[in-house]
Amino acid sequence: MHIHTIIPKTIISIFTFIVILSTQTTSQDTVISEQNNTGFIPLTGVLPSVVANQGKPYLVTSNIEVAEGQTVKIEKGVIFLFKNFTGLNVKGSISVDGEKNIPVIFTSENNPRYNPGYIIDPAPFDWDGINLATENTKQIFTYTVIEYSLYGIKSLTDNIILKECTFKHNGNADFTINGQKQVITSTLYTYIPDKKVQQFQKKNNTDSIKSIYTVTDNNGKKVFEDIKLTTDSSDLPLFGTKPDRKGVRVTFGLLGLCTAIAGGVYGTIELKKWNDAKKEFDELSNVTHEQKIERNIAKKWEDAQNRVNYHFIRSTVSYSAGLAGFITLIITISF
């Protein structure tokens, strides 16, 4: 083979290799460029004290965390897109402040609604979920959507409040407290611990409430207007504790029952006395005119009339009190 034949072939091979390498590099650069212009905010590690709504989703590339002793507020409209095997671990306090038409979203990075360029469909188990591993701290989720996770919200404490939250397409569970899965039957789910806790802490001779929350059901019916998990003694009523709703109902129920019984019994007694006085009055009213003008009969007739009016008024008042007590009892039982 002649050298003038080998050289052109060698040049052609080198040129071909350079073109292929250039093409691959360009392709890689395109992928990197696309990844850097997805419009997401990368997020990992310990969260800031306020997670602000910056107009585009946060992309969680590894576990995010609320550190012990830390308080984190998540603003309405914030969207978290979680990659596989990532989640949120809460060791401090968290307040997720969604609103009815602007919820906070915890979802998979594959969700086409928030990541239209992703070609893989979202599915349960796409990300781990929210793990609440702390106790005696404030955990409040308001108008929050949790979807396509492994276990939704898993809490090791019952000191958690959910207000109008939505769970969709989660894998093993939607909401678990201390290993017990909660049954969710409504689209907007509300959970308040089924008890009232009042813990007092003595400090500088001043009583302060460490935590307090009220009773509600688990079907979304609200029975509270405000939630105060930390306050001072200035918020307490005169005698130092806020009234227990159940105790108030029992007290008013017993009061209504006793009033109804007492009013009925006393009214019946007075009614009998009224009936006896009425008979005596009727008998005295049937005497002749000449007998009426006699002094003794006139006085008896007047006394009988007074007794009739007296016992009539007392029986009416007694029955009215008994009726009021009965109505109070019915209202207490019904509500």
Protein backbone atom coordinates (compact mmCIF):
# COMPACT_ATOMS: atom_id res chain seq x y z
CA MET A 1 0.00 0.00 0.00
CA HIS A 2 1.33 3.41 -0.98
CA ILE A 3 1.82 6.14 1.55
CA HIS A 4 -0.22 8.61 -0.50
CA THR A 5 -3.22 6.28 -0.03
CA ILE A 6 -2.76 5.76 3.74
CA ILE A 7 -2.56 9.47 4.64
CA PRO A 8 -5.97 10.50 3.21
CA LYS A 9 -7.68 7.57 4.97
CA THR A 10 -6.04 8.47 8.24
CA ILE A 11 -7.15 12.09 7.90
CA ILE A 12 -10.71 11.01 7.14
CA SER A 13 -10.82 8.73 10.22
CA ILE A 14 -9.52 11.47 12.50
CA PHE A 15 -12.07 13.93 11.11
CA THR A 16 -14.89 11.43 11.59
CA PHE A 17 -13.88 10.83 15.25
CA ILE A 18 -13.78 14.59 15.91
CA VAL A 19 -17.28 15.03 14.42
CA ILE A 20 -18.71 12.18 16.53
CA LEU A 21 -17.09 13.51 19.72
CA SER A 22 -18.34 16.98 18.99
CA THR A 23 -21.87 15.67 18.43
CA GLN A 24 -21.84 13.77 21.73
CA THR A 25 -20.52 16.81 23.61
CA THR A 26 -23.17 19.01 22.04
CA SER A 27 -25.85 16.50 23.01
CA GLN A 28 -24.58 16.38 26.60
CA ASP A 29 -24.42 20.16 26.76
CA THR A 30 -28.03 20.30 25.54
CA VAL A 31 -29.19 17.93 28.30
CA ILE A 32 -27.34 19.94 30.96
CA SER A 33 -28.76 23.15 29.54
CA GLU A 34 -32.29 21.73 29.66
CA GLN A 35 -31.78 20.58 33.24
CA ASN A 36 -30.53 24.00 34.27
CA ASN A 37 -33.51 25.75 32.72
CA THR A 38 -36.36 23.69 34.10
CA GLY A 39 -37.58 26.58 36.23
CA PHE A 40 -37.30 24.68 39.51
CA ILE A 41 -35.62 25.76 42.72
CA PRO A 42 -33.34 22.98 44.02
CA LEU A 43 -33.90 22.20 47.69
CA THR A 44 -32.12 19.93 50.11
CA GLY A 45 -31.07 19.74 53.77
CA VAL A 46 -32.36 21.89 56.63
CA LEU A 47 -35.17 24.24 55.60
CA PRO A 48 -35.06 27.99 56.26
CA SER A 49 -37.38 29.48 58.87
CA VAL A 50 -39.73 30.61 56.08
CA VAL A 51 -40.20 28.68 52.83
CA ALA A 52 -41.49 31.44 50.57
CA ASN A 53 -43.65 31.12 47.48
CA GLN A 54 -41.29 32.28 44.72
CA GLY A 55 -43.60 31.52 41.83
CA LYS A 56 -42.06 28.19 40.81
CA PRO A 57 -41.82 24.73 42.41
CA TYR A 58 -39.08 23.53 44.71
CA LEU A 59 -37.33 20.39 43.46
CA VAL A 60 -36.31 18.22 46.42
CA THR A 61 -33.20 16.33 45.35
CA SER A 62 -32.45 14.75 48.74
CA ASN A 63 -34.18 14.71 52.14
CA ILE A 64 -35.27 18.04 53.55
CA GLU A 65 -35.56 18.61 57.29
CA VAL A 66 -36.95 20.79 60.06
CA ALA A 67 -34.21 20.62 62.66
CA GLU A 68 -34.81 20.02 66.36
CA GLY A 69 -35.76 23.27 68.09
CA GLN A 70 -36.43 24.95 64.74
CA THR A 71 -39.77 26.47 63.67
CA VAL A 72 -40.54 26.53 59.94
CA LYS A 73 -43.39 28.31 58.20
CA ILE A 74 -44.38 27.28 54.67
CA GLU A 75 -46.26 29.97 52.78
CA LYS A 76 -49.45 29.38 50.79
CA GLY A 77 -48.97 28.20 47.19
CA VAL A 78 -45.58 26.55 47.76
CA ILE A 79 -45.08 23.40 45.65
CA PHE A 80 -42.61 20.66 46.56
CA LEU A 81 -41.61 18.16 43.85
CA PHE A 82 -39.84 15.18 45.46
CA LYS A 83 -37.41 12.87 43.69
CA ASN A 84 -37.42 9.14 44.43
CA PHE A 85 -36.41 8.08 47.96
CA THR A 86 -36.67 11.63 49.34
CA GLY A 87 -39.02 13.10 51.94
CA LEU A 88 -39.55 15.65 54.69
CA ASN A 89 -38.37 14.87 58.25
CA VAL A 90 -39.74 17.16 60.97
CA LYS A 91 -37.88 17.23 64.28
CA GLY A 92 -38.98 20.73 65.30
CA SER A 93 -42.20 22.68 64.65
CA ILE A 94 -43.86 23.25 61.29
CA SER A 95 -46.76 25.41 60.14
CA VAL A 96 -48.01 24.76 56.61
CA ASP A 97 -50.18 27.78 55.82
CA GLY A 98 -52.16 26.90 52.73
CA GLU A 99 -55.46 28.56 51.85
CA LYS A 100 -58.63 27.20 50.27
CA ASN A 101 -57.76 28.20 46.70
CA ILE A 102 -53.98 28.39 47.23
CA PRO A 103 -52.95 25.12 48.93
CA VAL A 104 -49.45 23.89 49.70
CA ILE A 105 -48.54 20.90 47.48
CA PHE A 106 -46.31 17.93 48.36
CA THR A 107 -46.09 15.71 45.27
CA SER A 108 -43.89 13.65 42.96
CA GLU A 109 -41.43 15.20 40.53
CA ASN A 110 -43.22 13.13 37.86
CA ASN A 111 -46.47 15.04 38.28
CA PRO A 112 -47.17 16.52 34.81
CA ARG A 113 -49.32 19.27 36.30
CA TYR A 114 -46.24 20.88 37.83
CA ASN A 115 -43.54 19.29 35.66
CA PRO A 116 -44.96 19.12 32.11
CA GLY A 117 -41.65 18.04 30.57
CA TYR A 118 -41.38 14.81 32.56
CA ILE A 119 -42.26 11.69 30.53
CA ILE A 120 -42.78 9.23 33.43
CA ASP A 121 -46.28 9.09 34.91
CA PRO A 122 -46.57 9.76 38.65
CA ALA A 123 -47.47 6.81 40.87
CA PRO A 124 -47.78 5.87 44.56
CA PHE A 125 -44.40 5.26 46.26
CA ASP A 126 -42.68 7.93 44.10
CA TRP A 127 -41.33 9.63 47.24
CA ASP A 128 -41.21 8.73 50.93
CA GLY A 129 -43.62 11.16 52.60
CA ILE A 130 -43.64 13.45 55.65
CA ASN A 131 -42.25 12.04 58.88
CA LEU A 132 -43.08 13.80 62.17
CA ALA A 133 -40.66 12.43 64.72
CA THR A 134 -41.07 14.95 67.52
CA GLU A 135 -43.31 15.42 70.54
CA ASN A 136 -44.70 18.42 72.42
CA THR A 137 -44.21 20.74 69.44
CA LYS A 138 -46.64 22.47 67.11
CA GLN A 139 -47.45 20.67 63.86
CA ILE A 140 -50.18 22.35 61.80
CA PHE A 141 -51.08 21.60 58.19
CA THR A 142 -53.76 23.84 56.66
CA TYR A 143 -55.13 23.28 53.13
CA THR A 144 -52.29 20.92 52.24
CA VAL A 145 -52.19 18.33 49.43
CA ILE A 146 -50.08 15.17 49.89
CA GLU A 147 -49.98 12.82 46.91
CA TYR A 148 -47.97 10.00 45.24
CA SER A 149 -45.97 9.25 48.39
CA LEU A 150 -45.16 6.04 50.26
CA TYR A 151 -46.87 6.79 53.59
CA GLY A 152 -48.33 10.32 53.31
CA ILE A 153 -47.92 11.80 56.80
CA LYS A 154 -46.46 9.51 59.46
CA SER A 155 -46.50 11.00 62.95
CA LEU A 156 -44.95 9.68 66.14
CA THR A 157 -46.93 12.22 68.17
CA ASP A 158 -50.63 13.09 68.35
CA ASN A 159 -49.76 16.77 68.78
CA ILE A 160 -50.68 17.43 65.16
CA ILE A 161 -53.50 19.40 63.58
CA LEU A 162 -54.74 18.92 60.01
CA LYS A 163 -57.26 21.42 58.67
CA GLU A 164 -58.94 20.77 55.30
CA CYS A 165 -56.12 18.60 53.91
CA THR A 166 -56.24 16.36 50.83
CA PHE A 167 -54.60 12.93 50.45
CA LYS A 168 -54.42 11.33 46.98
CA HIS A 169 -52.68 8.34 45.38
CA ASN A 170 -50.45 7.48 48.34
CA GLY A 171 -49.03 3.97 48.67
CA ASN A 172 -49.11 2.23 52.06
CA ALA A 173 -51.11 4.89 53.92
CA ASP A 174 -52.34 8.47 53.85
CA PHE A 175 -52.05 9.44 57.52
CA THR A 176 -50.65 7.40 60.42
CA ILE A 177 -50.35 8.33 64.11
CA ASN A 178 -48.19 6.19 66.39
CA GLY A 179 -48.54 3.23 64.04
CA GLN A 180 -52.34 3.52 63.69
CA LYS A 181 -53.65 4.33 60.22
CA GLN A 182 -56.40 6.95 60.23
CA VAL A 183 -59.51 6.36 58.14
CA ILE A 184 -60.02 9.25 55.71
CA THR A 185 -63.53 9.44 54.28
CA SER A 186 -63.71 13.05 53.12
CA THR A 187 -61.98 14.95 50.32
CA LEU A 188 -61.02 17.74 52.71
CA TYR A 189 -59.85 16.03 55.88
CA THR A 190 -59.57 17.65 59.30
CA TYR A 191 -57.92 16.07 62.32
CA ILE A 192 -57.72 17.49 65.84
CA PRO A 193 -56.61 15.27 68.75
CA ASP A 194 -59.74 13.94 70.48
CA LYS A 195 -58.80 15.42 73.82
CA LYS A 196 -58.02 18.71 75.49
CA VAL A 197 -54.55 19.15 76.91
CA GLN A 198 -53.64 21.88 79.33
CA GLN A 199 -50.08 21.90 80.59
CA PHE A 200 -48.94 24.59 83.02
CA GLN A 201 -45.40 25.67 83.56
CA LYS A 202 -44.33 27.72 86.57
CA LYS A 203 -41.98 30.52 85.69
CA ASN A 204 -41.34 33.70 87.67
CA ASN A 205 -44.51 33.04 89.71
CA THR A 206 -46.61 33.30 86.55
CA ASP A 207 -48.70 30.44 85.17
CA SER A 208 -48.45 29.93 81.43
CA ILE A 209 -50.08 27.44 79.14
CA LYS A 210 -47.57 25.31 77.30
CA SER A 211 -50.08 23.75 74.92
CA ILE A 212 -53.83 23.68 74.50
CA TYR A 213 -56.12 22.44 71.76
CA THR A 214 -59.81 21.66 71.68
CA VAL A 215 -62.05 18.75 70.72
CA THR A 216 -63.47 18.21 67.24
CA ASP A 217 -64.51 15.27 65.12
CA ASN A 218 -62.51 13.69 62.29
CA ASN A 219 -65.03 14.38 59.52
CA GLY A 220 -64.20 17.98 58.86
CA LYS A 221 -66.65 19.61 61.30
CA LYS A 222 -64.97 22.51 63.01
CA VAL A 223 -65.74 23.29 66.61
CA PHE A 224 -63.07 25.91 67.17
CA GLU A 225 -62.36 29.42 65.96
CA ASP A 226 -58.76 29.76 67.04
CA ILE A 227 -55.88 27.52 68.03
CA LYS A 228 -53.39 28.65 70.64
CA LEU A 229 -50.58 26.27 71.38
CA THR A 230 -48.52 28.75 73.34
CA THR A 231 -49.90 31.59 75.40
CA ASP A 232 -49.57 33.23 78.80
CA SER A 233 -51.83 33.54 81.80
CA SER A 234 -53.46 36.71 80.42
CA ASP A 235 -55.45 34.50 78.05
CA LEU A 236 -56.85 32.42 80.90
CA PRO A 237 -60.30 33.07 82.36
CA LEU A 238 -60.77 34.33 85.92
CA PHE A 239 -60.26 30.96 87.63
CA GLY A 240 -57.22 29.90 85.61
CA THR A 241 -58.62 27.26 83.22
CA LYS A 242 -60.78 27.43 80.16
CA PRO A 243 -64.11 25.59 80.43
CA ASP A 244 -64.29 22.02 79.20
CA ARG A 245 -66.96 21.76 76.52
CA LYS A 246 -68.04 18.32 77.68
CA GLY A 247 -68.14 19.45 81.31
CA VAL A 248 -70.26 22.47 80.39
CA ARG A 249 -72.73 20.25 78.56
CA VAL A 250 -73.01 17.88 81.51
CA THR A 251 -73.47 20.76 83.95
CA PHE A 252 -76.21 22.43 81.91
CA GLY A 253 -77.81 19.06 81.23
CA LEU A 254 -78.06 18.24 84.93
CA LEU A 255 -79.29 21.75 85.70
CA GLY A 256 -81.97 21.46 83.03
CA LEU A 257 -83.03 18.01 84.27
CA CYS A 258 -83.29 19.13 87.91
CA THR A 259 -85.19 22.28 86.94
CA ALA A 260 -87.62 20.30 84.79
CA ILE A 261 -88.31 17.78 87.59
CA ALA A 262 -88.59 20.44 90.32
CA GLY A 263 -90.78 22.67 88.19
CA GLY A 264 -93.08 19.80 87.26
CA VAL A 265 -93.45 18.53 90.84
CA TYR A 266 -93.93 21.95 92.41
CA GLY A 267 -96.30 22.99 89.63
CA THR A 268 -98.44 19.90 90.24
CA ILE A 269 -98.61 20.62 93.97
CA GLU A 270 -99.63 24.22 93.32
CA LEU A 271 -102.17 23.09 90.74
CA LYS A 272 -103.85 20.85 93.31
CA LYS A 273 -103.96 23.70 95.83
CA TRP A 274 -105.44 25.94 93.13
CA ASN A 275 -108.08 23.32 92.39
CA ASP A 276 -109.05 23.07 96.10
CA ALA A 277 -109.21 26.86 96.41
CA LYS A 278 -111.30 27.03 93.22
CA LYS A 279 -113.83 24.55 94.61
CA GLU A 280 -114.13 26.54 97.84
CA PHE A 281 -114.49 29.77 95.88
CA ASP A 282 -117.19 28.27 93.66
CA GLU A 283 -119.13 27.04 96.70
CA LEU A 284 -118.94 30.47 98.33
CA SER A 285 -119.98 32.10 95.06
CA ASN A 286 -123.26 30.08 95.00
CA VAL A 287 -124.62 31.53 98.27
CA THR A 288 -127.41 34.07 98.24
CA HIS A 289 -126.84 37.81 98.10
CA GLU A 290 -128.01 38.17 101.65
CA GLN A 291 -125.48 35.56 102.81
CA LYS A 292 -122.68 37.28 100.89
CA ILE A 293 -123.18 40.54 102.67
CA GLU A 294 -122.75 38.85 106.00
CA ARG A 295 -119.31 39.76 107.24
CA ASN A 296 -117.85 36.29 107.78
CA ILE A 297 -118.96 34.85 104.42
CA ALA A 298 -117.72 37.88 102.52
CA LYS A 299 -114.32 37.57 104.16
CA LYS A 300 -114.14 33.81 103.34
CA TRP A 301 -115.16 34.52 99.72
CA GLU A 302 -112.42 37.15 99.38
CA ASP A 303 -109.80 34.85 100.93
CA ALA A 304 -110.78 32.01 98.59
CA GLN A 305 -110.47 34.29 95.58
CA ASN A 306 -107.00 35.40 96.70
CA ARG A 307 -105.91 31.79 97.16
CA VAL A 308 -107.16 30.90 93.68
CA ASN A 309 -105.09 33.70 92.12
CA TYR A 310 -102.06 32.94 94.33
CA HIS A 311 -101.88 29.24 93.53
CA PHE A 312 -102.63 29.88 89.86
CA ILE A 313 -99.63 32.22 89.57
CA ARG A 314 -97.33 29.84 91.47
CA SER A 315 -98.36 26.82 89.41
CA THR A 316 -97.87 28.79 86.17
CA VAL A 317 -94.38 29.94 87.22
CA SER A 318 -93.40 26.41 88.33
CA TYR A 319 -94.55 24.81 85.09
CA SER A 320 -92.77 27.53 83.06
CA ALA A 321 -89.52 26.87 84.95
CA GLY A 322 -89.94 23.14 84.39
CA LEU A 323 -90.53 23.72 80.67
CA ALA A 324 -87.40 25.91 80.45
CA GLY A 325 -85.39 23.19 82.19
CA PHE A 326 -86.73 20.56 79.79
CA ILE A 327 -85.82 22.71 76.76
CA THR A 328 -82.31 23.25 78.18
CA LEU A 329 -81.93 19.49 78.61
CA ILE A 330 -83.03 18.81 75.02
CA ILE A 331 -80.69 21.46 73.61
CA THR A 332 -77.77 20.10 75.65
CA ILE A 333 -78.39 16.55 74.42
CA SER A 334 -78.89 17.61 70.80
CA PHE A 335 -75.83 19.82 70.49
